[in-house]
Amino acid sequence: MEFKMHLKEKPFFMIKSGKKDIEMRLYDEKRQKIQVGDTIEFSNVETGQILNTEVVNIHKYNDFNELYSNFDKTRLGYYDDEEAKAKDMSQYYSDEEIQKYGVVGIEIKKI
């Protein structure tokens, strides 16, 4: 199955460069359909550029604190000199949504 997701410039570039291989999302109804072997087409919201990836693993957690504690920050899309905080995800998802659905780290590789 193929899925489409939008990304800002920085995470898009980091996936393209091979540094970021974990896409963090709410584990809502859409993400619950994703399975290993599926493809995700990421589009850069600023440039419209497209990047195709394959799902190689699904990592489910109760919240972003758990997810962040299980991966190196560069795999999540942070540069070495940046501080990685799970609270950063609150700009995308509310505490209520996270509590209702949980979160997922979608492990991907470029194709």
PDB file of N, CA and C in Angstrom:
ATOM      1  N   MET A   1       0.840  -1.172   0.000  1.00  0.00           N
ATOM      2  CA  MET A   1       0.000   0.000   0.000  1.00  0.00           C
ATOM      3  C   MET A   1       0.892   1.245   0.000  1.00  0.00           C
ATOM      4  N   GLU A   2       0.423   2.313  -0.648  1.00  0.00           N
ATOM      5  CA  GLU A   2       1.201   3.547  -0.693  1.00  0.00           C
ATOM      6  C   GLU A   2       0.498   4.636   0.111  1.00  0.00           C
ATOM      7  N   PHE A   3       1.286   5.371   0.883  1.00  0.00           N
ATOM      8  CA  PHE A   3       0.783   6.479   1.684  1.00  0.00           C
ATOM      9  C   PHE A   3       1.493   7.748   1.244  1.00  0.00           C
ATOM     10  N   LYS A   4       0.844   8.879   1.476  1.00  0.00           N
ATOM     11  CA  LYS A   4       1.432  10.183   1.157  1.00  0.00           C
ATOM     12  C   LYS A   4       1.447  11.010   2.425  1.00  0.00           C
ATOM     13  N   MET A   5       2.590  11.661   2.677  1.00  0.00           N
ATOM     14  CA  MET A   5       2.737  12.524   3.835  1.00  0.00           C
ATOM     15  C   MET A   5       3.514  13.766   3.435  1.00  0.00           C
ATOM     16  N   HIS A   6       3.232  14.848   4.143  1.00  0.00           N
ATOM     17  CA  HIS A   6       3.914  16.117   3.903  1.00  0.00           C
ATOM     18  C   HIS A   6       4.976  16.344   4.973  1.00  0.00           C
ATOM     19  N   LEU A   7       6.066  16.972   4.553  1.00  0.00           N
ATOM     20  CA  LEU A   7       7.151  17.305   5.479  1.00  0.00           C
ATOM     21  C   LEU A   7       7.642  18.721   5.219  1.00  0.00           C
ATOM     22  N   LYS A   8       8.114  19.348   6.277  1.00  0.00           N
ATOM     23  CA  LYS A   8       8.793  20.627   6.129  1.00  0.00           C
ATOM     24  C   LYS A   8      10.179  20.376   5.535  1.00  0.00           C
ATOM     25  N   GLU A   9      10.829  21.462   5.139  1.00  0.00           N
ATOM     26  CA  GLU A   9      12.122  21.388   4.447  1.00  0.00           C
ATOM     27  C   GLU A   9      13.178  20.590   5.212  1.00  0.00           C
ATOM     28  N   LYS A  10      13.378  20.885   6.489  1.00  0.00           N
ATOM     29  CA  LYS A  10      14.456  20.246   7.253  1.00  0.00           C
ATOM     30  C   LYS A  10      14.297  18.729   7.356  1.00  0.00           C
ATOM     31  N   PRO A  11      13.149  18.201   7.835  1.00  0.00           N
ATOM     32  CA  PRO A  11      13.049  16.740   7.897  1.00  0.00           C
ATOM     33  C   PRO A  11      13.101  16.073   6.520  1.00  0.00           C
ATOM     34  N   PHE A  12      12.561  16.754   5.509  1.00  0.00           N
ATOM     35  CA  PHE A  12      12.628  16.213   4.149  1.00  0.00           C
ATOM     36  C   PHE A  12      14.084  16.051   3.722  1.00  0.00           C
ATOM     37  N   PHE A  13      14.880  17.105   3.915  1.00  0.00           N
ATOM     38  CA  PHE A  13      16.295  17.071   3.551  1.00  0.00           C
ATOM     39  C   PHE A  13      17.036  15.994   4.345  1.00  0.00           C
ATOM     40  N   MET A  14      16.715  15.864   5.630  1.00  0.00           N
ATOM     41  CA  MET A  14      17.423  14.887   6.459  1.00  0.00           C
ATOM     42  C   MET A  14      17.113  13.450   6.035  1.00  0.00           C
ATOM     43  N   ILE A  15      15.883  13.191   5.597  1.00  0.00           N
ATOM     44  CA  ILE A  15      15.570  11.857   5.060  1.00  0.00           C
ATOM     45  C   ILE A  15      16.313  11.664   3.746  1.00  0.00           C
ATOM     46  N   LYS A  16      16.272  12.672   2.902  1.00  0.00           N
ATOM     47  CA  LYS A  16      16.943  12.597   1.602  1.00  0.00           C
ATOM     48  C   LYS A  16      18.439  12.342   1.756  1.00  0.00           C
ATOM     49  N   SER A  17      19.046  12.965   2.770  1.00  0.00           N
ATOM     50  CA  SER A  17      20.491  12.810   2.981  1.00  0.00           C
ATOM     51  C   SER A  17      20.840  11.493   3.688  1.00  0.00           C
ATOM     52  N   GLY A  18      19.831  10.777   4.186  1.00  0.00           N
ATOM     53  CA  GLY A  18      20.070   9.498   4.844  1.00  0.00           C
ATOM     54  C   GLY A  18      20.293   9.585   6.346  1.00  0.00           C
ATOM     55  N   LYS A  19      20.223  10.784   6.911  1.00  0.00           N
ATOM     56  CA  LYS A  19      20.441  10.931   8.356  1.00  0.00           C
ATOM     57  C   LYS A  19      19.202  10.562   9.166  1.00  0.00           C
ATOM     58  N   LYS A  20      18.044  10.992   8.724  1.00  0.00           N
ATOM     59  CA  LYS A  20      16.781  10.725   9.426  1.00  0.00           C
ATOM     60  C   LYS A  20      16.141   9.485   8.810  1.00  0.00           C
ATOM     61  N   ASP A  21      15.871   8.483   9.647  1.00  0.00           N
ATOM     62  CA  ASP A  21      15.188   7.290   9.136  1.00  0.00           C
ATOM     63  C   ASP A  21      14.005   6.871  10.010  1.00  0.00           C
ATOM     64  N   ILE A  22      13.638   7.737  10.959  1.00  0.00           N
ATOM     65  CA  ILE A  22      12.464   7.498  11.805  1.00  0.00           C
ATOM     66  C   ILE A  22      11.531   8.696  11.633  1.00  0.00           C
ATOM     67  N   GLU A  23      10.360   8.461  11.078  1.00  0.00           N
ATOM     68  CA  GLU A  23       9.356   9.515  10.959  1.00  0.00           C
ATOM     69  C   GLU A  23       8.379   9.365  12.112  1.00  0.00           C
ATOM     70  N   MET A  24       8.249  10.405  12.915  1.00  0.00           N
ATOM     71  CA  MET A  24       7.412  10.367  14.114  1.00  0.00           C
ATOM     72  C   MET A  24       6.036  10.927  13.793  1.00  0.00           C
ATOM     73  N   ARG A  25       5.020  10.164  14.155  1.00  0.00           N
ATOM     74  CA  ARG A  25       3.644  10.589  13.910  1.00  0.00           C
ATOM     75  C   ARG A  25       2.752  10.103  15.041  1.00  0.00           C
ATOM     76  N   LEU A  26       1.564  10.690  15.093  1.00  0.00           N
ATOM     77  CA  LEU A  26       0.509  10.198  15.959  1.00  0.00           C
ATOM     78  C   LEU A  26       0.079   8.838  15.419  1.00  0.00           C
ATOM     79  N   TYR A  27      -0.215   7.877  16.277  1.00  0.00           N
ATOM     80  CA  TYR A  27      -0.640   6.548  15.811  1.00  0.00           C
ATOM     81  C   TYR A  27      -2.160   6.533  15.636  1.00  0.00           C
ATOM     82  N   ASP A  28      -2.633   7.444  14.799  1.00  0.00           N
ATOM     83  CA  ASP A  28      -4.069   7.579  14.549  1.00  0.00           C
ATOM     84  C   ASP A  28      -4.536   6.552  13.522  1.00  0.00           C
ATOM     85  N   GLU A  29      -5.798   6.673  13.104  1.00  0.00           N
ATOM     86  CA  GLU A  29      -6.372   5.681  12.183  1.00  0.00           C
ATOM     87  C   GLU A  29      -5.562   5.548  10.893  1.00  0.00           C
ATOM     88  N   LYS A  30      -5.094   6.656  10.347  1.00  0.00           N
ATOM     89  CA  LYS A  30      -4.316   6.605   9.099  1.00  0.00           C
ATOM     90  C   LYS A  30      -3.014   5.838   9.300  1.00  0.00           C
ATOM     91  N   ARG A  31      -2.270   6.155  10.364  1.00  0.00           N
ATOM     92  CA  ARG A  31      -0.975   5.511  10.596  1.00  0.00           C
ATOM     93  C   ARG A  31      -1.115   4.047  11.025  1.00  0.00           C
ATOM     94  N   GLN A  32      -2.256   3.690  11.623  1.00  0.00           N
ATOM     95  CA  GLN A  32      -2.465   2.301  12.024  1.00  0.00           C
ATOM     96  C   GLN A  32      -2.577   1.366  10.821  1.00  0.00           C
ATOM     97  N   LYS A  33      -2.826   1.917   9.650  1.00  0.00           N
ATOM     98  CA  LYS A  33      -2.926   1.107   8.423  1.00  0.00           C
ATOM     99  C   LYS A  33      -1.559   0.796   7.818  1.00  0.00           C
ATOM    100  N   ILE A  34      -0.539   1.531   8.221  1.00  0.00           N
ATOM    101  CA  ILE A  34       0.799   1.359   7.642  1.00  0.00           C
ATOM    102  C   ILE A  34       1.426   0.062   8.133  1.00  0.00           C
ATOM    103  N   GLN A  35       1.999  -0.691   7.191  1.00  0.00           N
ATOM    104  CA  GLN A  35       2.653  -1.957   7.514  1.00  0.00           C
ATOM    105  C   GLN A  35       4.047  -1.988   6.902  1.00  0.00           C
ATOM    106  N   VAL A  36       4.891  -2.845   7.467  1.00  0.00           N
ATOM    107  CA  VAL A  36       6.229  -3.054   6.915  1.00  0.00           C
ATOM    108  C   VAL A  36       6.084  -3.466   5.446  1.00  0.00           C
ATOM    109  N   GLY A  37       6.888  -2.866   4.585  1.00  0.00           N
ATOM    110  CA  GLY A  37       6.839  -3.138   3.154  1.00  0.00           C
ATOM    111  C   GLY A  37       6.025  -2.117   2.375  1.00  0.00           C
ATOM    112  N   ASP A  38       5.185  -1.341   3.045  1.00  0.00           N
ATOM    113  CA  ASP A  38       4.432  -0.272   2.388  1.00  0.00           C
ATOM    114  C   ASP A  38       5.390   0.828   1.955  1.00  0.00           C
ATOM    115  N   THR A  39       4.922   1.685   1.064  1.00  0.00           N
ATOM    116  CA  THR A  39       5.716   2.822   0.642  1.00  0.00           C
ATOM    117  C   THR A  39       5.062   4.121   1.127  1.00  0.00           C
ATOM    118  N   ILE A  40       5.918   5.095   1.400  1.00  0.00           N
ATOM    119  CA  ILE A  40       5.446   6.425   1.781  1.00  0.00           C
ATOM    120  C   ILE A  40       6.094   7.423   0.833  1.00  0.00           C
ATOM    121  N   GLU A  41       5.251   8.211   0.185  1.00  0.00           N
ATOM    122  CA  GLU A  41       5.723   9.300  -0.660  1.00  0.00           C
ATOM    123  C   GLU A  41       5.675  10.578   0.177  1.00  0.00           C
ATOM    124  N   PHE A  42       6.838  11.123   0.481  1.00  0.00           N
ATOM    125  CA  PHE A  42       6.924  12.360   1.230  1.00  0.00           C
ATOM    126  C   PHE A  42       7.026  13.515   0.245  1.00  0.00           C
ATOM    127  N   SER A  43       6.270  14.572   0.505  1.00  0.00           N
ATOM    128  CA  SER A  43       6.391  15.766  -0.321  1.00  0.00           C
ATOM    129  C   SER A  43       6.862  16.928   0.557  1.00  0.00           C
ATOM    130  N   ASN A  44       7.794  17.679   0.022  1.00  0.00           N
ATOM    131  CA  ASN A  44       8.336  18.848   0.694  1.00  0.00           C
ATOM    132  C   ASN A  44       7.316  19.974   0.534  1.00  0.00           C
ATOM    133  N   VAL A  45       6.764  20.465   1.650  1.00  0.00           N
ATOM    134  CA  VAL A  45       5.705  21.470   1.578  1.00  0.00           C
ATOM    135  C   VAL A  45       6.197  22.805   1.015  1.00  0.00           C
ATOM    136  N   GLU A  46       7.493  23.066   1.077  1.00  0.00           N
ATOM    137  CA  GLU A  46       8.011  24.332   0.568  1.00  0.00           C
ATOM    138  C   GLU A  46       8.364  24.271  -0.921  1.00  0.00           C
ATOM    139  N   THR A  47       8.881  23.122  -1.381  1.00  0.00           N
ATOM    140  CA  THR A  47       9.364  23.044  -2.768  1.00  0.00           C
ATOM    141  C   THR A  47       8.523  22.136  -3.664  1.00  0.00           C
ATOM    142  N   GLY A  48       7.705  21.274  -3.054  1.00  0.00           N
ATOM    143  CA  GLY A  48       6.932  20.315  -3.836  1.00  0.00           C
ATOM    144  C   GLY A  48       7.730  19.086  -4.240  1.00  0.00           C
ATOM    145  N   GLN A  49       8.996  19.045  -3.873  1.00  0.00           N
ATOM    146  CA  GLN A  49       9.855  17.904  -4.207  1.00  0.00           C
ATOM    147  C   GLN A  49       9.298  16.634  -3.558  1.00  0.00           C
ATOM    148  N   ILE A  50       9.474  15.505  -4.232  1.00  0.00           N
ATOM    149  CA  ILE A  50       8.953  14.210  -3.791  1.00  0.00           C
ATOM    150  C   ILE A  50      10.098  13.277  -3.439  1.00  0.00           C
ATOM    151  N   LEU A  51       9.888  12.466  -2.392  1.00  0.00           N
ATOM    152  CA  LEU A  51      10.866  11.471  -1.963  1.00  0.00           C
ATOM    153  C   LEU A  51      10.111  10.199  -1.618  1.00  0.00           C
ATOM    154  N   ASN A  52      10.500   9.085  -2.229  1.00  0.00           N
ATOM    155  CA  ASN A  52       9.832   7.808  -1.982  1.00  0.00           C
ATOM    156  C   ASN A  52      10.635   6.956  -1.014  1.00  0.00           C
ATOM    157  N   THR A  53       9.918   6.353  -0.076  1.00  0.00           N
ATOM    158  CA  THR A  53      10.552   5.524   0.940  1.00  0.00           C
ATOM    159  C   THR A  53       9.767   4.233   1.118  1.00  0.00           C
ATOM    160  N   GLU A  54      10.425   3.268   1.744  1.00  0.00           N
ATOM    161  CA  GLU A  54       9.782   2.004   2.102  1.00  0.00           C
ATOM    162  C   GLU A  54       9.803   1.861   3.617  1.00  0.00           C
ATOM    163  N   VAL A  55       8.729   1.363   4.174  1.00  0.00           N
ATOM    164  CA  VAL A  55       8.629   1.134   5.611  1.00  0.00           C
ATOM    165  C   VAL A  55       9.371  -0.155   5.949  1.00  0.00           C
ATOM    166  N   VAL A  56      10.356  -0.062   6.858  1.00  0.00           N
ATOM    167  CA  VAL A  56      11.126  -1.245   7.243  1.00  0.00           C
ATOM    168  C   VAL A  56      10.804  -1.719   8.653  1.00  0.00           C
ATOM    169  N   ASN A  57      10.169  -0.849   9.461  1.00  0.00           N
ATOM    170  CA  ASN A  57       9.761  -1.267  10.808  1.00  0.00           C
ATOM    171  C   ASN A  57       8.771  -0.249  11.358  1.00  0.00           C
ATOM    172  N   ILE A  58       7.962  -0.698  12.301  1.00  0.00           N
ATOM    173  CA  ILE A  58       6.976   0.145  12.977  1.00  0.00           C
ATOM    174  C   ILE A  58       7.262   0.058  14.470  1.00  0.00           C
ATOM    175  N   HIS A  59       7.493   1.223  15.108  1.00  0.00           N
ATOM    176  CA  HIS A  59       7.804   1.264  16.533  1.00  0.00           C
ATOM    177  C   HIS A  59       6.690   2.038  17.244  1.00  0.00           C
ATOM    178  N   LYS A  60       5.864   1.328  18.033  1.00  0.00           N
ATOM    179  CA  LYS A  60       4.721   1.953  18.711  1.00  0.00           C
ATOM    180  C   LYS A  60       5.062   2.265  20.168  1.00  0.00           C
ATOM    181  N   TYR A  61       4.614   3.454  20.610  1.00  0.00           N
ATOM    182  CA  TYR A  61       4.875   3.902  21.977  1.00  0.00           C
ATOM    183  C   TYR A  61       3.643   4.609  22.537  1.00  0.00           C
ATOM    184  N   ASN A  62       3.611   4.742  23.854  1.00  0.00           N
ATOM    185  CA  ASN A  62       2.527   5.460  24.506  1.00  0.00           C
ATOM    186  C   ASN A  62       2.620   6.962  24.270  1.00  0.00           C
ATOM    187  N   ASP A  63       3.853   7.475  24.202  1.00  0.00           N
ATOM    188  CA  ASP A  63       4.042   8.915  24.015  1.00  0.00           C
ATOM    189  C   ASP A  63       5.409   9.182  23.399  1.00  0.00           C
ATOM    190  N   PHE A  64       5.646  10.452  23.094  1.00  0.00           N
ATOM    191  CA  PHE A  64       6.903  10.820  22.445  1.00  0.00           C
ATOM    192  C   PHE A  64       8.103  10.706  23.375  1.00  0.00           C
ATOM    193  N   ASN A  65       7.897  10.809  24.685  1.00  0.00           N
ATOM    194  CA  ASN A  65       9.010  10.611  25.619  1.00  0.00           C
ATOM    195  C   ASN A  65       9.604   9.220  25.445  1.00  0.00           C
ATOM    196  N   GLU A  66       8.751   8.212  25.355  1.00  0.00           N
ATOM    197  CA  GLU A  66       9.222   6.829  25.146  1.00  0.00           C
ATOM    198  C   GLU A  66       9.935   6.707  23.804  1.00  0.00           C
ATOM    199  N   LEU A  67       9.343   7.272  22.773  1.00  0.00           N
ATOM    200  CA  LEU A  67       9.928   7.175  21.439  1.00  0.00           C
ATOM    201  C   LEU A  67      11.311   7.825  21.420  1.00  0.00           C
ATOM    202  N   TYR A  68      11.411   9.043  21.945  1.00  0.00           N
ATOM    203  CA  TYR A  68      12.689   9.764  21.955  1.00  0.00           C
ATOM    204  C   TYR A  68      13.765   9.008  22.728  1.00  0.00           C
ATOM    205  N   SER A  69      13.380   8.313  23.787  1.00  0.00           N
ATOM    206  CA  SER A  69      14.378   7.611  24.605  1.00  0.00           C
ATOM    207  C   SER A  69      14.925   6.360  23.922  1.00  0.00           C
ATOM    208  N   ASN A  70      14.317   5.938  22.828  1.00  0.00           N
ATOM    209  CA  ASN A  70      14.740   4.711  22.154  1.00  0.00           C
ATOM    210  C   ASN A  70      15.572   4.929  20.894  1.00  0.00           C
ATOM    211  N   PHE A  71      15.773   6.189  20.485  1.00  0.00           N
ATOM    212  CA  PHE A  71      16.502   6.445  19.242  1.00  0.00           C
ATOM    213  C   PHE A  71      17.484   7.598  19.405  1.00  0.00           C
ATOM    214  N   ASP A  72      18.581   7.505  18.670  1.00  0.00           N
ATOM    215  CA  ASP A  72      19.516   8.613  18.577  1.00  0.00           C
ATOM    216  C   ASP A  72      18.795   9.793  17.925  1.00  0.00           C
ATOM    217  N   LYS A  73      19.067  10.989  18.392  1.00  0.00           N
ATOM    218  CA  LYS A  73      18.328  12.164  17.930  1.00  0.00           C
ATOM    219  C   LYS A  73      18.482  12.440  16.431  1.00  0.00           C
ATOM    220  N   THR A  74      19.612  12.069  15.835  1.00  0.00           N
ATOM    221  CA  THR A  74      19.762  12.314  14.398  1.00  0.00           C
ATOM    222  C   THR A  74      18.818  11.431  13.588  1.00  0.00           C
ATOM    223  N   ARG A  75      18.530  10.253  14.087  1.00  0.00           N
ATOM    224  CA  ARG A  75      17.585   9.373  13.393  1.00  0.00           C
ATOM    225  C   ARG A  75      16.175   9.958  13.410  1.00  0.00           C
ATOM    226  N   LEU A  76      15.912  10.841  14.390  1.00  0.00           N
ATOM    227  CA  LEU A  76      14.600  11.474  14.529  1.00  0.00           C
ATOM    228  C   LEU A  76      14.512  12.809  13.786  1.00  0.00           C
ATOM    229  N   GLY A  77      15.631  13.295  13.266  1.00  0.00           N
ATOM    230  CA  GLY A  77      15.605  14.521  12.486  1.00  0.00           C
ATOM    231  C   GLY A  77      16.243  15.722  13.130  1.00  0.00           C
ATOM    232  N   TYR A  78      17.066  15.506  14.143  1.00  0.00           N
ATOM    233  CA  TYR A  78      17.777  16.600  14.796  1.00  0.00           C
ATOM    234  C   TYR A  78      19.234  16.594  14.350  1.00  0.00           C
ATOM    235  N   TYR A  79      19.810  17.776  14.259  1.00  0.00           N
ATOM    236  CA  TYR A  79      21.233  17.893  14.003  1.00  0.00           C
ATOM    237  C   TYR A  79      21.998  17.616  15.294  1.00  0.00           C
ATOM    238  N   ASP A  80      23.274  17.284  15.170  1.00  0.00           N
ATOM    239  CA  ASP A  80      24.106  16.960  16.335  1.00  0.00           C
ATOM    240  C   ASP A  80      24.134  18.081  17.374  1.00  0.00           C
ATOM    241  N   ASP A  81      24.085  19.323  16.913  1.00  0.00           N
ATOM    242  CA  ASP A  81      24.182  20.448  17.844  1.00  0.00           C
ATOM    243  C   ASP A  81      22.827  20.931  18.372  1.00  0.00           C
ATOM    244  N   GLU A  82      21.762  20.213  18.058  1.00  0.00           N
ATOM    245  CA  GLU A  82      20.428  20.582  18.529  1.00  0.00           C
ATOM    246  C   GLU A  82      20.019  19.738  19.735  1.00  0.00           C
ATOM    247  N   GLU A  83      19.213  20.325  20.588  1.00  0.00           N
ATOM    248  CA  GLU A  83      18.648  19.582  21.705  1.00  0.00           C
ATOM    249  C   GLU A  83      17.361  18.913  21.232  1.00  0.00           C
ATOM    250  N   ALA A  84      17.236  17.627  21.500  1.00  0.00           N
ATOM    251  CA  ALA A  84      16.035  16.870  21.111  1.00  0.00           C
ATOM    252  C   ALA A  84      15.117  16.745  22.314  1.00  0.00           C
ATOM    253  N   LYS A  85      13.915  17.317  22.186  1.00  0.00           N
ATOM    254  CA  LYS A  85      12.948  17.263  23.274  1.00  0.00           C
ATOM    255  C   LYS A  85      11.626  16.722  22.748  1.00  0.00           C
ATOM    256  N   ALA A  86      11.072  15.752  23.445  1.00  0.00           N
ATOM    257  CA  ALA A  86       9.788  15.183  23.047  1.00  0.00           C
ATOM    258  C   ALA A  86       8.706  16.254  22.985  1.00  0.00           C
ATOM    259  N   LYS A  87       8.829  17.275  23.810  1.00  0.00           N
ATOM    260  CA  LYS A  87       7.836  18.356  23.842  1.00  0.00           C
ATOM    261  C   LYS A  87       7.777  19.101  22.502  1.00  0.00           C
ATOM    262  N   ASP A  88       8.825  18.978  21.679  1.00  0.00           N
ATOM    263  CA  ASP A  88       8.813  19.606  20.355  1.00  0.00           C
ATOM    264  C   ASP A  88       7.614  19.144  19.521  1.00  0.00           C
ATOM    265  N   MET A  89       7.149  17.943  19.774  1.00  0.00           N
ATOM    266  CA  MET A  89       6.042  17.386  18.992  1.00  0.00           C
ATOM    267  C   MET A  89       4.693  17.999  19.365  1.00  0.00           C
ATOM    268  N   SER A  90       4.656  18.775  20.456  1.00  0.00           N
ATOM    269  CA  SER A  90       3.396  19.408  20.860  1.00  0.00           C
ATOM    270  C   SER A  90       2.953  20.490  19.872  1.00  0.00           C
ATOM    271  N   GLN A  91       3.851  20.915  18.990  1.00  0.00           N
ATOM    272  CA  GLN A  91       3.442  21.857  17.955  1.00  0.00           C
ATOM    273  C   GLN A  91       2.586  21.183  16.885  1.00  0.00           C
ATOM    274  N   TYR A  92       2.628  19.863  16.845  1.00  0.00           N
ATOM    275  CA  TYR A  92       1.854  19.105  15.861  1.00  0.00           C
ATOM    276  C   TYR A  92       0.656  18.375  16.471  1.00  0.00           C
ATOM    277  N   TYR A  93       0.812  17.887  17.701  1.00  0.00           N
ATOM    278  CA  TYR A  93      -0.212  17.051  18.320  1.00  0.00           C
ATOM    279  C   TYR A  93      -0.498  17.494  19.751  1.00  0.00           C
ATOM    280  N   SER A  94      -1.760  17.438  20.131  1.00  0.00           N
ATOM    281  CA  SER A  94      -2.150  17.800  21.498  1.00  0.00           C
ATOM    282  C   SER A  94      -1.902  16.624  22.447  1.00  0.00           C
ATOM    283  N   ASP A  95      -1.800  16.923  23.733  1.00  0.00           N
ATOM    284  CA  ASP A  95      -1.650  15.874  24.743  1.00  0.00           C
ATOM    285  C   ASP A  95      -2.828  14.910  24.696  1.00  0.00           C
ATOM    286  N   GLU A  96      -4.017  15.430  24.418  1.00  0.00           N
ATOM    287  CA  GLU A  96      -5.219  14.586  24.342  1.00  0.00           C
ATOM    288  C   GLU A  96      -5.115  13.592  23.188  1.00  0.00           C
ATOM    289  N   GLU A  97      -4.639  14.057  22.034  1.00  0.00           N
ATOM    290  CA  GLU A  97      -4.473  13.161  20.882  1.00  0.00           C
ATOM    291  C   GLU A  97      -3.444  12.077  21.189  1.00  0.00           C
ATOM    292  N   ILE A  98      -2.342  12.476  21.797  1.00  0.00           N
ATOM    293  CA  ILE A  98      -1.278  11.516  22.126  1.00  0.00           C
ATOM    294  C   ILE A  98      -1.800  10.473  23.103  1.00  0.00           C
ATOM    295  N   GLN A  99      -2.544  10.917  24.098  1.00  0.00           N
ATOM    296  CA  GLN A  99      -3.101   9.981  25.081  1.00  0.00           C
ATOM    297  C   GLN A  99      -4.119   9.040  24.438  1.00  0.00           C
ATOM    298  N   LYS A 100      -4.904   9.529  23.498  1.00  0.00           N
ATOM    299  CA  LYS A 100      -5.928   8.718  22.834  1.00  0.00           C
ATOM    300  C   LYS A 100      -5.329   7.665  21.905  1.00  0.00           C
ATOM    301  N   TYR A 101      -4.342   8.070  21.087  1.00  0.00           N
ATOM    302  CA  TYR A 101      -3.824   7.190  20.034  1.00  0.00           C
ATOM    303  C   TYR A 101      -2.467   6.567  20.321  1.00  0.00           C
ATOM    304  N   GLY A 102      -1.649   7.223  21.120  1.00  0.00           N
ATOM    305  CA  GLY A 102      -0.258   6.826  21.218  1.00  0.00           C
ATOM    306  C   GLY A 102       0.503   7.385  20.032  1.00  0.00           C
ATOM    307  N   VAL A 103       1.760   7.008  19.906  1.00  0.00           N
ATOM    308  CA  VAL A 103       2.596   7.549  18.833  1.00  0.00           C
ATOM    309  C   VAL A 103       3.341   6.407  18.138  1.00  0.00           C
ATOM    310  N   VAL A 104       3.897   6.727  16.976  1.00  0.00           N
ATOM    311  CA  VAL A 104       4.613   5.716  16.212  1.00  0.00           C
ATOM    312  C   VAL A 104       5.869   6.319  15.604  1.00  0.00           C
ATOM    313  N   GLY A 105       6.918   5.521  15.610  1.00  0.00           N
ATOM    314  CA  GLY A 105       8.134   5.847  14.869  1.00  0.00           C
ATOM    315  C   GLY A 105       8.154   4.935  13.661  1.00  0.00           C
ATOM    316  N   ILE A 106       7.976   5.511  12.497  1.00  0.00           N
ATOM    317  CA  ILE A 106       7.950   4.726  11.254  1.00  0.00           C
ATOM    318  C   ILE A 106       9.368   4.697  10.710  1.00  0.00           C
ATOM    319  N   GLU A 107       9.987   3.528  10.767  1.00  0.00           N
ATOM    320  CA  GLU A 107      11.362   3.380  10.279  1.00  0.00           C
ATOM    321  C   GLU A 107      11.309   3.179   8.771  1.00  0.00           C
ATOM    322  N   ILE A 108      12.065   4.013   8.060  1.00  0.00           N
ATOM    323  CA  ILE A 108      12.002   4.026   6.593  1.00  0.00           C
ATOM    324  C   ILE A 108      13.380   3.936   5.961  1.00  0.00           C
ATOM    325  N   LYS A 109      13.374   3.589   4.686  1.00  0.00           N
ATOM    326  CA  LYS A 109      14.596   3.680   3.864  1.00  0.00           C
ATOM    327  C   LYS A 109      14.197   4.251   2.521  1.00  0.00           C
ATOM    328  N   LYS A 110      15.117   5.011   1.925  1.00  0.00           N
ATOM    329  CA  LYS A 110      14.849   5.595   0.608  1.00  0.00           C
ATOM    330  C   LYS A 110      14.813   4.491  -0.445  1.00  0.00           C
ATOM    331  N   ILE A 111      13.949   4.694  -1.435  1.00  0.00           N
ATOM    332  CA  ILE A 111      13.894   3.749  -2.576  1.00  0.00           C
ATOM    333  C   ILE A 111      14.020   4.510  -3.875  1.00  0.00           C
TER     334      ILE A 111
END
